[in-house]
Amino acid sequence: MFFLQNISYISQYLFWNYLIHISYNPINLLMSKNLINYRNITPKHKKIYVVSNLIKGMMLCLNSHIGVRLLYNYYRHGMWDLNTIKSFGAIYASLDMVSMFHVEKMQTNTKVHHIMVQVLYFMGLLRYNFNEKSLANPMVVYAIYSGLSYMVNIYLSLRVFVKNENLLKIMKYASYIIYINCCIQNWLYQGYFLTTSNNIPLIEKGFYSSIIMSIMYDDWVLIKYLKK
């Protein structure tokens, strides 16, 4: 266990949970005051769904340069920036954690996805210390590719209240192209890592694969929706 070495990153995780949590209500009030279409959303709980996806999409967008840099440096130069990875993971996991407590009637597959993100983050942090040669490696890659498809969350938010059908069609198509490309690259890497890393016990690979499959299922459901 690497608990003591990672207290500062657990603190970051808690900080981001709190900051994201308290941002929901001000954003909801601001949008209700200034956007008529948002104000008229019914049922009312859908407003929180909009806010949740908008926060996640914008947060991931603002941090996408970190993911690009991490992937580039790793693929091109073999660099594994441990501190940045842990901080990026804290933000990503916090977004999913907070949404579970705010969004009503969340689909079961999405809720399972968000729970598994928490499991993977703390497993990567406390068991593996996000070591490059461990199962934390594909965890990080999965999180980065998911973060790079932030357009999907922005689209899922705007589709609820934006009335410009042409804009929504363009955003939906762009989201589909981005998402399916990120997923394909991601899944190929997952398979490559698991089949070539002989130093990792088979039972750990099996446990990790079962978690990843639940997340992949949620990704696939979303891909099918975006393709319609």
Protein backbone atom coordinates (compact mmCIF):
# COMPACT_ATOMS: atom_id res chain seq x y z
CA MET A 1 0.00 0.00 0.00
CA PHE A 2 1.19 3.51 -0.86
CA PHE A 3 -1.14 5.49 1.38
CA LEU A 4 1.36 7.77 3.12
CA GLN A 5 3.16 8.64 -0.13
CA ASN A 6 -0.11 9.74 -1.68
CA ILE A 7 -1.85 11.71 1.06
CA SER A 8 -1.41 14.93 -0.92
CA TYR A 9 -3.13 13.38 -3.96
CA ILE A 10 -5.99 12.03 -1.84
CA SER A 11 -6.33 15.57 -0.52
CA GLN A 12 -6.45 16.84 -4.10
CA TYR A 13 -9.19 14.32 -4.86
CA LEU A 14 -11.23 15.51 -1.86
CA PHE A 15 -10.63 19.15 -2.78
CA TRP A 16 -11.87 18.63 -6.34
CA ASN A 17 -14.90 16.72 -5.05
CA TYR A 18 -15.80 19.67 -2.84
CA LEU A 19 -15.13 22.32 -5.48
CA ILE A 20 -17.14 20.52 -8.16
CA HIS A 21 -19.95 19.83 -5.67
CA ILE A 22 -20.38 23.48 -4.68
CA SER A 23 -20.24 24.62 -8.32
CA TYR A 24 -23.49 22.86 -9.30
CA ASN A 25 -25.91 25.27 -7.65
CA PRO A 26 -24.30 28.56 -8.82
CA ILE A 27 -24.07 27.29 -12.40
CA ASN A 28 -27.68 26.11 -12.29
CA LEU A 29 -28.83 29.51 -10.98
CA LEU A 30 -26.73 31.42 -13.50
CA MET A 31 -28.05 29.42 -16.45
CA SER A 32 -31.64 29.63 -15.18
CA LYS A 33 -31.33 33.40 -14.96
CA ASN A 34 -29.79 33.97 -18.40
CA LEU A 35 -31.00 31.14 -20.65
CA ILE A 36 -34.75 30.89 -21.29
CA ASN A 37 -34.55 27.44 -22.88
CA TYR A 38 -32.62 26.12 -19.90
CA ARG A 39 -35.08 27.72 -17.48
CA ASN A 40 -37.95 25.89 -19.18
CA ILE A 41 -36.41 22.42 -19.01
CA THR A 42 -38.80 19.82 -17.61
CA PRO A 43 -38.65 17.73 -15.54
CA LYS A 44 -36.50 19.92 -13.30
CA HIS A 45 -33.98 17.20 -12.45
CA LYS A 46 -32.81 17.29 -16.07
CA LYS A 47 -31.24 20.67 -15.33
CA ILE A 48 -28.76 18.95 -13.03
CA TYR A 49 -28.00 16.43 -15.77
CA VAL A 50 -27.21 19.38 -18.05
CA VAL A 51 -25.01 21.05 -15.44
CA SER A 52 -23.20 17.79 -14.65
CA ASN A 53 -22.28 17.09 -18.27
CA LEU A 54 -21.37 20.71 -18.91
CA ILE A 55 -19.02 20.80 -15.91
CA LYS A 56 -17.41 17.52 -16.91
CA GLY A 57 -17.07 18.50 -20.56
CA MET A 58 -15.56 21.90 -19.79
CA MET A 59 -13.22 20.57 -17.08
CA LEU A 60 -11.94 17.83 -19.37
CA CYS A 61 -11.60 20.33 -22.22
CA LEU A 62 -9.50 22.67 -20.08
CA ASN A 63 -7.29 19.76 -19.03
CA SER A 64 -7.13 18.03 -22.43
CA HIS A 65 -3.70 19.54 -23.15
CA ILE A 66 -2.39 17.61 -20.14
CA GLY A 67 -3.71 14.34 -21.55
CA VAL A 68 -2.25 15.04 -24.99
CA ARG A 69 1.14 15.88 -23.49
CA LEU A 70 1.11 12.76 -21.29
CA LEU A 71 0.27 10.47 -24.21
CA TYR A 72 2.75 12.12 -26.57
CA ASN A 73 5.61 11.99 -24.09
CA TYR A 74 4.84 8.39 -23.21
CA TYR A 75 4.39 7.08 -26.77
CA ARG A 76 7.23 9.12 -28.27
CA HIS A 77 9.79 9.39 -25.47
CA GLY A 78 8.77 6.75 -22.93
CA MET A 79 8.26 9.46 -20.29
CA TRP A 80 5.86 8.72 -17.42
CA ASP A 81 5.08 11.93 -15.49
CA LEU A 82 3.91 10.42 -12.22
CA ASN A 83 2.93 13.61 -10.40
CA THR A 84 0.88 14.95 -13.32
CA ILE A 85 -0.80 11.56 -13.78
CA LYS A 86 -1.90 11.44 -10.14
CA SER A 87 -3.27 14.99 -10.25
CA PHE A 88 -5.07 14.40 -13.56
CA GLY A 89 -6.59 11.23 -12.12
CA ALA A 90 -7.86 13.10 -9.06
CA ILE A 91 -9.76 15.56 -11.27
CA TYR A 92 -11.17 12.87 -13.56
CA ALA A 93 -12.36 10.62 -10.72
CA SER A 94 -13.88 13.55 -8.82
CA LEU A 95 -16.06 14.54 -11.76
CA ASP A 96 -17.64 11.09 -11.87
CA MET A 97 -17.96 10.81 -8.09
CA VAL A 98 -19.83 14.09 -7.65
CA SER A 99 -22.18 13.44 -10.57
CA MET A 100 -23.44 10.24 -8.90
CA PHE A 101 -24.73 12.27 -5.95
CA HIS A 102 -26.31 15.03 -8.00
CA VAL A 103 -27.84 13.44 -11.10
CA GLU A 104 -31.18 11.75 -10.49
CA LYS A 105 -32.29 8.69 -12.46
CA MET A 106 -28.78 8.00 -13.75
CA GLN A 107 -28.67 4.93 -15.98
CA THR A 108 -27.37 1.83 -14.22
CA ASN A 109 -24.54 1.25 -16.71
CA THR A 110 -23.38 4.85 -16.25
CA LYS A 111 -23.51 4.54 -12.46
CA VAL A 112 -21.46 1.34 -12.63
CA HIS A 113 -19.00 3.16 -14.91
CA HIS A 114 -18.57 5.98 -12.39
CA ILE A 115 -18.14 3.58 -9.47
CA MET A 116 -15.50 1.60 -11.36
CA VAL A 117 -13.60 4.83 -12.09
CA GLN A 118 -13.32 5.38 -8.32
CA VAL A 119 -12.16 1.79 -7.80
CA LEU A 120 -9.51 2.11 -10.52
CA TYR A 121 -8.25 5.48 -9.31
CA PHE A 122 -7.68 4.30 -5.75
CA MET A 123 -6.36 0.94 -6.88
CA GLY A 124 -3.88 2.73 -9.15
CA LEU A 125 -2.92 5.19 -6.44
CA LEU A 126 -2.76 3.01 -3.32
CA ARG A 127 -1.84 -0.41 -4.70
CA TYR A 128 0.34 0.44 -7.68
CA ASN A 129 1.38 4.05 -6.95
CA PHE A 130 0.62 4.51 -10.68
CA ASN A 131 3.78 2.61 -11.57
CA GLU A 132 4.37 2.52 -15.32
CA LYS A 133 5.03 -1.24 -15.34
CA SER A 134 1.84 -2.13 -13.46
CA LEU A 135 -1.86 -2.26 -14.30
CA ALA A 136 -1.96 1.45 -13.49
CA ASN A 137 -0.49 1.97 -16.96
CA PRO A 138 -3.63 1.01 -18.95
CA MET A 139 -5.77 2.73 -16.30
CA VAL A 140 -4.03 6.02 -17.06
CA VAL A 141 -4.32 5.54 -20.81
CA TYR A 142 -8.04 4.76 -20.50
CA ALA A 143 -8.63 7.92 -18.44
CA ILE A 144 -6.70 10.09 -20.91
CA TYR A 145 -8.61 8.85 -23.97
CA SER A 146 -11.89 9.29 -22.09
CA GLY A 147 -10.86 12.83 -21.21
CA LEU A 148 -10.02 13.66 -24.81
CA SER A 149 -13.62 12.92 -25.83
CA TYR A 150 -14.93 15.84 -23.77
CA MET A 151 -17.01 16.95 -26.76
CA VAL A 152 -19.42 14.12 -25.99
CA ASN A 153 -20.27 15.51 -22.56
CA ILE A 154 -20.74 19.02 -23.95
CA TYR A 155 -23.09 17.65 -26.61
CA LEU A 156 -25.06 15.58 -24.06
CA SER A 157 -25.53 18.77 -22.07
CA LEU A 158 -26.53 21.11 -24.90
CA ARG A 159 -28.92 18.68 -26.63
CA VAL A 160 -31.37 19.08 -23.74
CA PHE A 161 -32.09 22.78 -24.22
CA VAL A 162 -30.44 24.08 -27.40
CA LYS A 163 -32.99 24.42 -30.19
CA ASN A 164 -30.61 24.78 -33.14
CA GLU A 165 -31.02 21.37 -34.80
CA ASN A 166 -28.25 21.93 -37.36
CA LEU A 167 -25.75 22.77 -34.62
CA LEU A 168 -26.78 19.71 -32.61
CA LYS A 169 -26.45 17.43 -35.65
CA ILE A 170 -22.92 18.73 -36.29
CA MET A 171 -21.98 18.33 -32.63
CA LYS A 172 -23.45 14.83 -32.47
CA TYR A 173 -21.55 13.70 -35.57
CA ALA A 174 -18.30 15.28 -34.36
CA SER A 175 -18.80 13.66 -30.94
CA TYR A 176 -19.34 10.27 -32.57
CA ILE A 177 -16.19 10.51 -34.71
CA ILE A 178 -14.06 11.68 -31.79
CA TYR A 179 -15.49 9.15 -29.37
CA ILE A 180 -15.25 6.09 -31.57
CA ASN A 181 -11.67 6.94 -32.56
CA CYS A 182 -10.66 7.46 -28.94
CA CYS A 183 -12.36 4.21 -27.93
CA ILE A 184 -10.77 2.15 -30.70
CA GLN A 185 -7.26 3.45 -29.96
CA ASN A 186 -7.88 2.97 -26.26
CA TRP A 187 -9.24 -0.56 -26.52
CA LEU A 188 -6.41 -1.62 -28.83
CA TYR A 189 -3.90 -0.37 -26.30
CA GLN A 190 -5.71 -2.15 -23.45
CA GLY A 191 -5.54 -5.44 -25.35
CA TYR A 192 -1.90 -4.88 -26.31
CA PHE A 193 -0.80 -4.12 -22.77
CA LEU A 194 -2.67 -7.03 -21.19
CA THR A 195 -1.35 -9.56 -23.72
CA THR A 196 2.28 -8.40 -23.66
CA SER A 197 2.83 -7.68 -19.94
CA ASN A 198 4.03 -11.03 -18.68
CA ASN A 199 5.14 -9.66 -15.30
CA ILE A 200 1.55 -9.08 -14.12
CA PRO A 201 -0.25 -12.05 -12.44
CA LEU A 202 -3.10 -13.51 -14.49
CA ILE A 203 -5.58 -13.09 -11.63
CA GLU A 204 -4.88 -9.34 -11.50
CA LYS A 205 -5.32 -9.08 -15.26
CA GLY A 206 -8.64 -10.88 -14.95
CA PHE A 207 -9.86 -8.58 -12.19
CA TYR A 208 -8.83 -5.49 -14.12
CA SER A 209 -10.38 -6.81 -17.33
CA SER A 210 -13.74 -7.40 -15.61
CA ILE A 211 -13.78 -3.77 -14.43
CA ILE A 212 -12.74 -2.44 -17.82
CA MET A 213 -15.42 -4.50 -19.57
CA SER A 214 -18.12 -2.79 -17.49
CA ILE A 215 -16.74 0.61 -18.52
CA MET A 216 -16.41 -0.48 -22.16
CA TYR A 217 -20.06 -1.55 -22.12
CA ASP A 218 -21.12 1.95 -21.09
CA ASP A 219 -18.88 3.38 -23.82
CA TRP A 220 -20.49 1.09 -26.38
CA VAL A 221 -24.01 2.13 -25.33
CA LEU A 222 -23.01 5.76 -25.85
CA ILE A 223 -21.40 5.03 -29.21
CA LYS A 224 -24.62 3.40 -30.44
CA TYR A 225 -26.64 6.42 -29.30
CA LEU A 226 -24.31 8.89 -31.03
CA LYS A 227 -24.41 6.85 -34.24
CA LYS A 228 -28.24 7.14 -34.57
